[in-house]
Each structure stands twice: as structure tokens, then as C-alpha cells.
PDB file of N, CA and C in Angstrom:
ATOM      1  N   MET A   1     -24.720  -3.920  -0.907  1.00  0.00           N
ATOM      2  CA  MET A   1     -23.952  -2.721  -0.627  1.00  0.00           C
ATOM      3  C   MET A   1     -23.244  -2.286  -1.902  1.00  0.00           C
ATOM      4  N   GLN A   2     -23.356  -1.036  -2.218  1.00  0.00           N
ATOM      5  CA  GLN A   2     -22.722  -0.496  -3.408  1.00  0.00           C
ATOM      6  C   GLN A   2     -21.289  -0.064  -3.085  1.00  0.00           C
ATOM      7  N   PHE A   3     -20.386  -0.268  -4.037  1.00  0.00           N
ATOM      8  CA  PHE A   3     -19.000   0.150  -3.847  1.00  0.00           C
ATOM      9  C   PHE A   3     -18.945   1.648  -3.564  1.00  0.00           C
ATOM     10  N   HIS A   4     -18.156   2.035  -2.592  1.00  0.00           N
ATOM     11  CA  HIS A   4     -18.003   3.448  -2.267  1.00  0.00           C
ATOM     12  C   HIS A   4     -16.586   3.723  -1.782  1.00  0.00           C
ATOM     13  N   MET A   5     -16.221   4.989  -1.817  1.00  0.00           N
ATOM     14  CA  MET A   5     -14.905   5.426  -1.366  1.00  0.00           C
ATOM     15  C   MET A   5     -15.076   6.542  -0.345  1.00  0.00           C
ATOM     16  N   HIS A   6     -14.093   6.658   0.531  1.00  0.00           N
ATOM     17  CA  HIS A   6     -14.048   7.754   1.498  1.00  0.00           C
ATOM     18  C   HIS A   6     -12.794   8.575   1.239  1.00  0.00           C
ATOM     19  N   LYS A   7     -12.921   9.872   1.371  1.00  0.00           N
ATOM     20  CA  LYS A   7     -11.759  10.754   1.303  1.00  0.00           C
ATOM     21  C   LYS A   7     -11.125  10.791   2.689  1.00  0.00           C
ATOM     22  N   PHE A   8      -9.810  10.941   2.741  1.00  0.00           N
ATOM     23  CA  PHE A   8      -9.150  11.172   4.019  1.00  0.00           C
ATOM     24  C   PHE A   8      -8.103  12.270   3.851  1.00  0.00           C
ATOM     25  N   LYS A   9      -7.970  13.085   4.880  1.00  0.00           N
ATOM     26  CA  LYS A   9      -7.005  14.186   4.852  1.00  0.00           C
ATOM     27  C   LYS A   9      -6.696  14.586   6.287  1.00  0.00           C
ATOM     28  N   PHE A  10      -5.469  14.349   6.711  1.00  0.00           N
ATOM     29  CA  PHE A  10      -5.039  14.712   8.057  1.00  0.00           C
ATOM     30  C   PHE A  10      -3.515  14.727   8.102  1.00  0.00           C
ATOM     31  N   GLU A  11      -2.941  15.025   9.260  1.00  0.00           N
ATOM     32  CA  GLU A  11      -1.495  15.081   9.414  1.00  0.00           C
ATOM     33  C   GLU A  11      -1.013  13.971  10.330  1.00  0.00           C
ATOM     34  N   SER A  12       0.241  13.569  10.136  1.00  0.00           N
ATOM     35  CA  SER A  12       0.880  12.599  11.017  1.00  0.00           C
ATOM     36  C   SER A  12       1.303  13.310  12.303  1.00  0.00           C
ATOM     37  N   ASN A  13       1.839  12.539  13.241  1.00  0.00           N
ATOM     38  CA  ASN A  13       2.408  13.170  14.425  1.00  0.00           C
ATOM     39  C   ASN A  13       3.710  13.878  14.031  1.00  0.00           C
ATOM     40  N   GLU A  14       4.199  14.725  14.902  1.00  0.00           N
ATOM     41  CA  GLU A  14       5.447  15.437  14.622  1.00  0.00           C
ATOM     42  C   GLU A  14       6.639  14.590  15.050  1.00  0.00           C
ATOM     43  N   THR A  15       7.574  14.412  14.151  1.00  0.00           N
ATOM     44  CA  THR A  15       8.830  13.719  14.416  1.00  0.00           C
ATOM     45  C   THR A  15       9.915  14.479  13.677  1.00  0.00           C
ATOM     46  N   ASN A  16      11.070  14.634  14.299  1.00  0.00           N
ATOM     47  CA  ASN A  16      12.180  15.313  13.629  1.00  0.00           C
ATOM     48  C   ASN A  16      11.786  16.745  13.228  1.00  0.00           C
ATOM     49  N   TYR A  17      10.961  17.385  14.040  1.00  0.00           N
ATOM     50  CA  TYR A  17      10.530  18.776  13.858  1.00  0.00           C
ATOM     51  C   TYR A  17       9.641  19.020  12.638  1.00  0.00           C
ATOM     52  N   HIS A  18       8.940  18.002  12.186  1.00  0.00           N
ATOM     53  CA  HIS A  18       8.008  18.211  11.074  1.00  0.00           C
ATOM     54  C   HIS A  18       6.906  17.158  11.092  1.00  0.00           C
ATOM     55  N   LYS A  19       5.821  17.471  10.375  1.00  0.00           N
ATOM     56  CA  LYS A  19       4.691  16.564  10.188  1.00  0.00           C
ATOM     57  C   LYS A  19       4.529  16.298   8.701  1.00  0.00           C
ATOM     58  N   HIS A  20       3.770  15.265   8.368  1.00  0.00           N
ATOM     59  CA  HIS A  20       3.451  14.960   6.975  1.00  0.00           C
ATOM     60  C   HIS A  20       1.947  15.006   6.776  1.00  0.00           C
ATOM     61  N   LYS A  21       1.508  15.508   5.624  1.00  0.00           N
ATOM     62  CA  LYS A  21       0.100  15.465   5.247  1.00  0.00           C
ATOM     63  C   LYS A  21      -0.188  14.098   4.645  1.00  0.00           C
ATOM     64  N   ILE A  22      -1.291  13.523   5.075  1.00  0.00           N
ATOM     65  CA  ILE A  22      -1.730  12.219   4.583  1.00  0.00           C
ATOM     66  C   ILE A  22      -3.094  12.441   3.954  1.00  0.00           C
ATOM     67  N   LEU A  23      -3.185  12.224   2.650  1.00  0.00           N
ATOM     68  CA  LEU A  23      -4.460  12.458   1.986  1.00  0.00           C
ATOM     69  C   LEU A  23      -4.643  11.497   0.828  1.00  0.00           C
ATOM     70  N   GLY A  24      -5.907  11.266   0.508  1.00  0.00           N
ATOM     71  CA  GLY A  24      -6.236  10.370  -0.592  1.00  0.00           C
ATOM     72  C   GLY A  24      -7.652   9.846  -0.455  1.00  0.00           C
ATOM     73  N   TYR A  25      -7.891   8.731  -1.108  1.00  0.00           N
ATOM     74  CA  TYR A  25      -9.190   8.061  -1.075  1.00  0.00           C
ATOM     75  C   TYR A  25      -8.983   6.596  -0.737  1.00  0.00           C
ATOM     76  N   THR A  26      -9.926   6.029   0.001  1.00  0.00           N
ATOM     77  CA  THR A  26      -9.861   4.597   0.257  1.00  0.00           C
ATOM     78  C   THR A  26     -10.069   3.856  -1.056  1.00  0.00           C
ATOM     79  N   GLU A  27      -9.654   2.611  -1.068  1.00  0.00           N
ATOM     80  CA  GLU A  27      -9.780   1.803  -2.279  1.00  0.00           C
ATOM     81  C   GLU A  27     -10.846   0.726  -2.082  1.00  0.00           C
ATOM     82  N   HIS A  28     -10.480  -0.509  -2.267  1.00  0.00           N
ATOM     83  CA  HIS A  28     -11.401  -1.649  -2.273  1.00  0.00           C
ATOM     84  C   HIS A  28     -12.297  -1.693  -1.039  1.00  0.00           C
ATOM     85  N   THR A  29     -13.550  -2.049  -1.255  1.00  0.00           N
ATOM     86  CA  THR A  29     -14.493  -2.297  -0.172  1.00  0.00           C
ATOM     87  C   THR A  29     -14.532  -3.799   0.043  1.00  0.00           C
ATOM     88  N   ILE A  30     -14.222  -4.244   1.249  1.00  0.00           N
ATOM     89  CA  ILE A  30     -14.180  -5.671   1.554  1.00  0.00           C
ATOM     90  C   ILE A  30     -15.199  -5.942   2.643  1.00  0.00           C
ATOM     91  N   GLY A  31     -16.154  -6.831   2.377  1.00  0.00           N
ATOM     92  CA  GLY A  31     -17.174  -7.170   3.351  1.00  0.00           C
ATOM     93  C   GLY A  31     -18.558  -6.821   2.861  1.00  0.00           C
ATOM     94  N   ILE A  32     -19.498  -6.813   3.788  1.00  0.00           N
ATOM     95  CA  ILE A  32     -20.891  -6.529   3.455  1.00  0.00           C
ATOM     96  C   ILE A  32     -21.494  -5.576   4.488  1.00  0.00           C
ATOM     97  N   ASN A  33     -22.318  -4.669   4.017  1.00  0.00           N
ATOM     98  CA  ASN A  33     -23.101  -3.740   4.841  1.00  0.00           C
ATOM     99  C   ASN A  33     -22.314  -3.159   6.020  1.00  0.00           C
ATOM    100  N   THR A  34     -22.739  -3.460   7.241  1.00  0.00           N
ATOM    101  CA  THR A  34     -22.088  -2.876   8.415  1.00  0.00           C
ATOM    102  C   THR A  34     -20.798  -3.589   8.800  1.00  0.00           C
ATOM    103  N   LEU A  35     -20.468  -4.656   8.112  1.00  0.00           N
ATOM    104  CA  LEU A  35     -19.217  -5.374   8.375  1.00  0.00           C
ATOM    105  C   LEU A  35     -18.300  -5.255   7.165  1.00  0.00           C
ATOM    106  N   HIS A  36     -17.817  -4.061   6.901  1.00  0.00           N
ATOM    107  CA  HIS A  36     -16.906  -3.870   5.776  1.00  0.00           C
ATOM    108  C   HIS A  36     -15.757  -2.953   6.183  1.00  0.00           C
ATOM    109  N   PHE A  37     -14.694  -3.018   5.431  1.00  0.00           N
ATOM    110  CA  PHE A  37     -13.570  -2.114   5.613  1.00  0.00           C
ATOM    111  C   PHE A  37     -12.975  -1.817   4.252  1.00  0.00           C
ATOM    112  N   HIS A  38     -11.979  -0.949   4.205  1.00  0.00           N
ATOM    113  CA  HIS A  38     -11.370  -0.519   2.949  1.00  0.00           C
ATOM    114  C   HIS A  38      -9.854  -0.638   3.034  1.00  0.00           C
ATOM    115  N   THR A  39      -9.215  -0.737   1.882  1.00  0.00           N
ATOM    116  CA  THR A  39      -7.763  -0.621   1.812  1.00  0.00           C
ATOM    117  C   THR A  39      -7.416   0.837   1.529  1.00  0.00           C
ATOM    118  N   PHE A  40      -6.198   1.208   1.883  1.00  0.00           N
ATOM    119  CA  PHE A  40      -5.707   2.545   1.539  1.00  0.00           C
ATOM    120  C   PHE A  40      -4.191   2.483   1.370  1.00  0.00           C
ATOM    121  N   TYR A  41      -3.666   3.382   0.581  1.00  0.00           N
ATOM    122  CA  TYR A  41      -2.215   3.484   0.411  1.00  0.00           C
ATOM    123  C   TYR A  41      -1.876   4.845  -0.163  1.00  0.00           C
ATOM    124  N   GLY A  42      -0.607   5.229  -0.058  1.00  0.00           N
ATOM    125  CA  GLY A  42      -0.201   6.510  -0.607  1.00  0.00           C
ATOM    126  C   GLY A  42       1.242   6.840  -0.309  1.00  0.00           C
ATOM    127  N   VAL A  43       1.618   8.046  -0.683  1.00  0.00           N
ATOM    128  CA  VAL A  43       2.972   8.568  -0.517  1.00  0.00           C
ATOM    129  C   VAL A  43       2.854   9.964   0.075  1.00  0.00           C
ATOM    130  N   SER A  44       3.717  10.284   1.015  1.00  0.00           N
ATOM    131  CA  SER A  44       3.741  11.620   1.601  1.00  0.00           C
ATOM    132  C   SER A  44       5.172  12.145   1.559  1.00  0.00           C
ATOM    133  N   SER A  45       5.360  13.310   0.954  1.00  0.00           N
ATOM    134  CA  SER A  45       6.700  13.901   0.820  1.00  0.00           C
ATOM    135  C   SER A  45       6.777  15.227   1.560  1.00  0.00           C
ATOM    136  N   TYR A  46       7.977  15.524   2.076  1.00  0.00           N
ATOM    137  CA  TYR A  46       8.204  16.786   2.774  1.00  0.00           C
ATOM    138  C   TYR A  46       9.684  17.134   2.684  1.00  0.00           C
ATOM    139  N   LYS A  47      10.006  18.271   2.139  1.00  0.00           N
ATOM    140  CA  LYS A  47      11.375  18.786   2.055  1.00  0.00           C
ATOM    141  C   LYS A  47      12.397  17.722   1.653  1.00  0.00           C
ATOM    142  N   GLY A  48      12.163  17.093   0.526  1.00  0.00           N
ATOM    143  CA  GLY A  48      13.160  16.198  -0.042  1.00  0.00           C
ATOM    144  C   GLY A  48      13.177  14.766   0.463  1.00  0.00           C
ATOM    145  N   HIS A  49      12.236  14.375   1.290  1.00  0.00           N
ATOM    146  CA  HIS A  49      12.180  12.960   1.650  1.00  0.00           C
ATOM    147  C   HIS A  49      10.738  12.461   1.595  1.00  0.00           C
ATOM    148  N   THR A  50      10.606  11.162   1.412  1.00  0.00           N
ATOM    149  CA  THR A  50       9.308  10.546   1.143  1.00  0.00           C
ATOM    150  C   THR A  50       9.046   9.400   2.102  1.00  0.00           C
ATOM    151  N   HIS A  51       7.802   9.270   2.516  1.00  0.00           N
ATOM    152  CA  HIS A  51       7.342   8.127   3.304  1.00  0.00           C
ATOM    153  C   HIS A  51       6.171   7.483   2.565  1.00  0.00           C
ATOM    154  N   TYR A  52       6.124   6.164   2.554  1.00  0.00           N
ATOM    155  CA  TYR A  52       5.007   5.420   1.975  1.00  0.00           C
ATOM    156  C   TYR A  52       4.118   4.932   3.107  1.00  0.00           C
ATOM    157  N   PHE A  53       2.828   4.747   2.813  1.00  0.00           N
ATOM    158  CA  PHE A  53       1.920   4.201   3.819  1.00  0.00           C
ATOM    159  C   PHE A  53       0.877   3.322   3.139  1.00  0.00           C
ATOM    160  N   SER A  54       0.359   2.365   3.883  1.00  0.00           N
ATOM    161  CA  SER A  54      -0.715   1.503   3.387  1.00  0.00           C
ATOM    162  C   SER A  54      -1.365   0.818   4.582  1.00  0.00           C
ATOM    163  N   GLY A  55      -2.562   0.290   4.356  1.00  0.00           N
ATOM    164  CA  GLY A  55      -3.228  -0.416   5.431  1.00  0.00           C
ATOM    165  C   GLY A  55      -4.687  -0.685   5.149  1.00  0.00           C
ATOM    166  N   PHE A  56      -5.379  -1.086   6.194  1.00  0.00           N
ATOM    167  CA  PHE A  56      -6.808  -1.364   6.163  1.00  0.00           C
ATOM    168  C   PHE A  56      -7.488  -0.440   7.163  1.00  0.00           C
ATOM    169  N   THR A  57      -8.643   0.077   6.802  1.00  0.00           N
ATOM    170  CA  THR A  57      -9.409   0.883   7.753  1.00  0.00           C
ATOM    171  C   THR A  57     -10.025  -0.033   8.800  1.00  0.00           C
ATOM    172  N   GLY A  58     -10.555   0.564   9.843  1.00  0.00           N
ATOM    173  CA  GLY A  58     -11.358  -0.182  10.794  1.00  0.00           C
ATOM    174  C   GLY A  58     -12.761  -0.389  10.228  1.00  0.00           C
ATOM    175  N   LEU A  59     -13.590  -1.097  10.968  1.00  0.00           N
ATOM    176  CA  LEU A  59     -14.987  -1.295  10.570  1.00  0.00           C
ATOM    177  C   LEU A  59     -15.727   0.041  10.636  1.00  0.00           C
ATOM    178  N   PRO A  60     -16.882   0.156   9.990  1.00  0.00           N
ATOM    179  CA  PRO A  60     -17.594   1.434   9.987  1.00  0.00           C
ATOM    180  C   PRO A  60     -18.062   1.848  11.382  1.00  0.00           C
ATOM    181  N   ILE A  61     -17.995   3.138  11.627  1.00  0.00           N
ATOM    182  CA  ILE A  61     -18.497   3.736  12.862  1.00  0.00           C
ATOM    183  C   ILE A  61     -19.668   4.622  12.453  1.00  0.00           C
ATOM    184  N   LYS A  62     -20.849   4.278  12.930  1.00  0.00           N
ATOM    185  CA  LYS A  62     -22.065   4.997  12.529  1.00  0.00           C
ATOM    186  C   LYS A  62     -22.011   6.445  12.998  1.00  0.00           C
ATOM    187  N   THR A  63     -22.448   7.330  12.115  1.00  0.00           N
ATOM    188  CA  THR A  63     -22.539   8.763  12.405  1.00  0.00           C
ATOM    189  C   THR A  63     -23.952   9.218  12.039  1.00  0.00           C
ATOM    190  N   PRO A  64     -24.347  10.421  12.412  1.00  0.00           N
ATOM    191  CA  PRO A  64     -25.708  10.881  12.091  1.00  0.00           C
ATOM    192  C   PRO A  64     -26.042  10.852  10.598  1.00  0.00           C
ATOM    193  N   ASN A  65     -25.043  11.047   9.740  1.00  0.00           N
ATOM    194  CA  ASN A  65     -25.301  11.103   8.300  1.00  0.00           C
ATOM    195  C   ASN A  65     -24.653   9.977   7.510  1.00  0.00           C
ATOM    196  N   GLY A  66     -24.263   8.911   8.150  1.00  0.00           N
ATOM    197  CA  GLY A  66     -23.610   7.807   7.430  1.00  0.00           C
ATOM    198  C   GLY A  66     -22.641   7.062   8.320  1.00  0.00           C
ATOM    199  N   HIS A  67     -21.370   7.022   7.898  1.00  0.00           N
ATOM    200  CA  HIS A  67     -20.362   6.337   8.695  1.00  0.00           C
ATOM    201  C   HIS A  67     -18.962   6.829   8.335  1.00  0.00           C
ATOM    202  N   VAL A  68     -18.012   6.562   9.236  1.00  0.00           N
ATOM    203  CA  VAL A  68     -16.597   6.844   9.024  1.00  0.00           C
ATOM    204  C   VAL A  68     -15.820   5.576   9.352  1.00  0.00           C
ATOM    205  N   HIS A  69     -14.537   5.577   9.028  1.00  0.00           N
ATOM    206  CA  HIS A  69     -13.653   4.463   9.365  1.00  0.00           C
ATOM    207  C   HIS A  69     -12.407   5.011  10.047  1.00  0.00           C
ATOM    208  N   LYS A  70     -11.935   4.306  11.065  1.00  0.00           N
ATOM    209  CA  LYS A  70     -10.694   4.685  11.731  1.00  0.00           C
ATOM    210  C   LYS A  70      -9.516   4.293  10.842  1.00  0.00           C
ATOM    211  N   MET A  71      -8.516   5.159  10.787  1.00  0.00           N
ATOM    212  CA  MET A  71      -7.281   4.884  10.056  1.00  0.00           C
ATOM    213  C   MET A  71      -6.114   5.129  11.004  1.00  0.00           C
ATOM    214  N   GLU A  72      -5.236   4.154  11.123  1.00  0.00           N
ATOM    215  CA  GLU A  72      -4.057   4.340  11.958  1.00  0.00           C
ATOM    216  C   GLU A  72      -2.917   3.505  11.412  1.00  0.00           C
ATOM    217  N   GLY A  73      -1.703   3.951  11.671  1.00  0.00           N
ATOM    218  CA  GLY A  73      -0.549   3.209  11.192  1.00  0.00           C
ATOM    219  C   GLY A  73       0.724   4.019  11.286  1.00  0.00           C
ATOM    220  N   LEU A  74       1.716   3.563  10.535  1.00  0.00           N
ATOM    221  CA  LEU A  74       3.032   4.188  10.509  1.00  0.00           C
ATOM    222  C   LEU A  74       3.389   4.579   9.092  1.00  0.00           C
ATOM    223  N   LEU A  75       4.002   5.743   8.943  1.00  0.00           N
ATOM    224  CA  LEU A  75       4.614   6.076   7.667  1.00  0.00           C
ATOM    225  C   LEU A  75       5.947   5.338   7.637  1.00  0.00           C
ATOM    226  N   GLU A  76       6.230   4.679   6.527  1.00  0.00           N
ATOM    227  CA  GLU A  76       7.463   3.909   6.385  1.00  0.00           C
ATOM    228  C   GLU A  76       8.680   4.768   6.732  1.00  0.00           C
ATOM    229  N   GLU A  77       9.669   4.165   7.382  1.00  0.00           N
ATOM    230  CA  GLU A  77      10.857   4.904   7.799  1.00  0.00           C
ATOM    231  C   GLU A  77      11.633   5.456   6.607  1.00  0.00           C
ATOM    232  N   SER A  78      12.114   6.687   6.758  1.00  0.00           N
ATOM    233  CA  SER A  78      12.921   7.353   5.735  1.00  0.00           C
ATOM    234  C   SER A  78      13.838   8.337   6.447  1.00  0.00           C
ATOM    235  N   GLN A  79      15.067   8.423   6.048  1.00  0.00           N
ATOM    236  CA  GLN A  79      16.055   9.315   6.662  1.00  0.00           C
ATOM    237  C   GLN A  79      16.094   9.140   8.178  1.00  0.00           C
ATOM    238  N   LEU A  80      16.107   7.884   8.589  1.00  0.00           N
ATOM    239  CA  LEU A  80      16.250   7.493   9.995  1.00  0.00           C
ATOM    240  C   LEU A  80      15.119   7.956  10.911  1.00  0.00           C
ATOM    241  N   HIS A  81      13.929   8.135  10.354  1.00  0.00           N
ATOM    242  CA  HIS A  81      12.788   8.451  11.209  1.00  0.00           C
ATOM    243  C   HIS A  81      11.497   7.992  10.524  1.00  0.00           C
ATOM    244  N   GLY A  82      10.463   7.853  11.318  1.00  0.00           N
ATOM    245  CA  GLY A  82       9.133   7.505  10.822  1.00  0.00           C
ATOM    246  C   GLY A  82       8.099   8.376  11.520  1.00  0.00           C
ATOM    247  N   HIS A  83       6.855   8.211  11.149  1.00  0.00           N
ATOM    248  CA  HIS A  83       5.765   8.990  11.739  1.00  0.00           C
ATOM    249  C   HIS A  83       4.589   8.065  12.022  1.00  0.00           C
ATOM    250  N   ILE A  84       3.839   8.375  13.059  1.00  0.00           N
ATOM    251  CA  ILE A  84       2.614   7.657  13.400  1.00  0.00           C
ATOM    252  C   ILE A  84       1.438   8.506  12.927  1.00  0.00           C
ATOM    253  N   PHE A  85       0.370   7.842  12.465  1.00  0.00           N
ATOM    254  CA  PHE A  85      -0.841   8.596  12.136  1.00  0.00           C
ATOM    255  C   PHE A  85      -2.053   7.903  12.725  1.00  0.00           C
ATOM    256  N   PHE A  86      -3.052   8.700  13.067  1.00  0.00           N
ATOM    257  CA  PHE A  86      -4.307   8.203  13.624  1.00  0.00           C
ATOM    258  C   PHE A  86      -5.374   9.248  13.354  1.00  0.00           C
ATOM    259  N   ASN A  87      -6.427   8.848  12.644  1.00  0.00           N
ATOM    260  CA  ASN A  87      -7.533   9.758  12.375  1.00  0.00           C
ATOM    261  C   ASN A  87      -8.679   8.956  11.769  1.00  0.00           C
ATOM    262  N   TYR A  88      -9.624   9.645  11.148  1.00  0.00           N
ATOM    263  CA  TYR A  88     -10.803   9.011  10.573  1.00  0.00           C
ATOM    264  C   TYR A  88     -11.018   9.485   9.140  1.00  0.00           C
ATOM    265  N   THR A  89     -11.676   8.650   8.352  1.00  0.00           N
ATOM    266  CA  THR A  89     -12.066   9.050   7.002  1.00  0.00           C
ATOM    267  C   THR A  89     -13.145  10.119   7.101  1.00  0.00           C
ATOM    268  N   ASP A  90     -13.400  10.795   6.004  1.00  0.00           N
ATOM    269  CA  ASP A  90     -14.532  11.722   5.949  1.00  0.00           C
ATOM    270  C   ASP A  90     -15.827  10.923   5.961  1.00  0.00           C
ATOM    271  N   GLU A  91     -16.872  11.551   6.464  1.00  0.00           N
ATOM    272  CA  GLU A  91     -18.182  10.906   6.513  1.00  0.00           C
ATOM    273  C   GLU A  91     -18.796  10.802   5.119  1.00  0.00           C
ATOM    274  N   GLU A  92     -18.588  11.819   4.316  1.00  0.00           N
ATOM    275  CA  GLU A  92     -19.156  11.832   2.967  1.00  0.00           C
ATOM    276  C   GLU A  92     -18.486  10.760   2.112  1.00  0.00           C
ATOM    277  N   ILE A  93     -19.291  10.036   1.345  1.00  0.00           N
ATOM    278  CA  ILE A  93     -18.751   8.976   0.502  1.00  0.00           C
ATOM    279  C   ILE A  93     -19.101   9.230  -0.956  1.00  0.00           C
ATOM    280  N   ALA A  94     -18.343   8.616  -1.836  1.00  0.00           N
ATOM    281  CA  ALA A  94     -18.592   8.709  -3.277  1.00  0.00           C
ATOM    282  C   ALA A  94     -18.886   7.309  -3.788  1.00  0.00           C
ATOM    283  N   TYR A  95     -20.001   7.151  -4.477  1.00  0.00           N
ATOM    284  CA  TYR A  95     -20.348   5.861  -5.069  1.00  0.00           C
ATOM    285  C   TYR A  95     -19.797   5.798  -6.482  1.00  0.00           C
ATOM    286  N   THR A  96     -19.342   4.624  -6.868  1.00  0.00           N
ATOM    287  CA  THR A  96     -18.798   4.456  -8.210  1.00  0.00           C
ATOM    288  C   THR A  96     -19.118   3.060  -8.722  1.00  0.00           C
ATOM    289  N   PRO A  97     -19.438   2.925  -9.986  1.00  0.00           N
ATOM    290  CA  PRO A  97     -19.757   1.615 -10.554  1.00  0.00           C
ATOM    291  C   PRO A  97     -18.522   0.835 -10.983  1.00  0.00           C
ATOM    292  N   ARG A  98     -17.312   1.375 -10.757  1.00  0.00           N
ATOM    293  CA  ARG A  98     -16.120   0.752 -11.325  1.00  0.00           C
ATOM    294  C   ARG A  98     -15.775  -0.598 -10.726  1.00  0.00           C
ATOM    295  N   GLU A  99     -16.305  -0.898  -9.586  1.00  0.00           N
ATOM    296  CA  GLU A  99     -15.940  -2.149  -8.949  1.00  0.00           C
ATOM    297  C   GLU A  99     -17.070  -2.626  -8.048  1.00  0.00           C
ATOM    298  N   LYS A 100     -17.264  -3.915  -8.004  1.00  0.00           N
ATOM    299  CA  LYS A 100     -18.213  -4.483  -7.057  1.00  0.00           C
ATOM    300  C   LYS A 100     -17.472  -4.754  -5.753  1.00  0.00           C
ATOM    301  N   PRO A 101     -18.173  -4.706  -4.625  1.00  0.00           N
ATOM    302  CA  PRO A 101     -17.518  -5.011  -3.357  1.00  0.00           C
ATOM    303  C   PRO A 101     -17.001  -6.444  -3.349  1.00  0.00           C
ATOM    304  N   ILE A 102     -15.953  -6.666  -2.616  1.00  0.00           N
ATOM    305  CA  ILE A 102     -15.445  -8.021  -2.422  1.00  0.00           C
ATOM    306  C   ILE A 102     -16.278  -8.627  -1.305  1.00  0.00           C
ATOM    307  N   GLN A 103     -17.081  -9.622  -1.614  1.00  0.00           N
ATOM    308  CA  GLN A 103     -17.986 -10.209  -0.634  1.00  0.00           C
ATOM    309  C   GLN A 103     -17.251 -11.225   0.235  1.00  0.00           C
ATOM    310  N   THR A 104     -17.605 -11.264   1.495  1.00  0.00           N
ATOM    311  CA  THR A 104     -17.052 -12.264   2.395  1.00  0.00           C
ATOM    312  C   THR A 104     -18.137 -13.268   2.731  1.00  0.00           C
ATOM    313  N   TYR A 105     -17.755 -14.489   2.945  1.00  0.00           N
ATOM    314  CA  TYR A 105     -18.702 -15.552   3.261  1.00  0.00           C
ATOM    315  C   TYR A 105     -18.302 -16.192   4.572  1.00  0.00           C
ATOM    316  N   PHE A 106     -19.303 -16.423   5.426  1.00  0.00           N
ATOM    317  CA  PHE A 106     -19.050 -17.037   6.726  1.00  0.00           C
ATOM    318  C   PHE A 106     -19.510 -18.465   6.712  1.00  0.00           C
TER     319      PHE A 106
END
């Protein structure tokens, strides 16, 4: 399996009368073929406050043209509130030679 990244772009749930945009690219590929997942992290700012997020995607979900990964979690609490997010990576992937996948052994 060649190292690849997925783009993600979606919004969090609404809390405190606002939402946050969550966007970026997945990072490390961990696993092999159909049993792999990715790490992700980032920062989302809105009107003077910031939330951090990080996590692991779910396993690949087959689609007609490739696969996607489920992403869900919490934006770190800031100014006495947090946000929940749940969505999927884009199906389109980008291959890059910069890193080999982290192989798992059973």
C-alpha cells in the first residue's frame, strides 16, 4: 500500500450560537491495505477563540471510486464550551513518496 492522504472539510455542531470549520489533510497511514487508518490534527478559530482537535480516523469504507474514513471527536474546550464533530474524509486521495506506511504485524 502506498502512502496517501485524504482531505477533509466540514463543520462542527452548533454550540454557543456558532459552528467551527474543520479542514485539513490526514497524516500518517497506519496499517495495511483494507486495514488501515490515519491520524489527523488541527486548529479551528472563530471570532477570537480557538479550539484544537486531533484523533484517528476509522477504518476505510469502500466507495465506488475508492474509500473514505469516518472522523469524529470533540474540539478541545475553549471559553467554557466545546464542539462535537462527525463526518467523513473526501474520497479522492493524494499519493506522496514522503513517507512509507507504518506497517502492523499480527
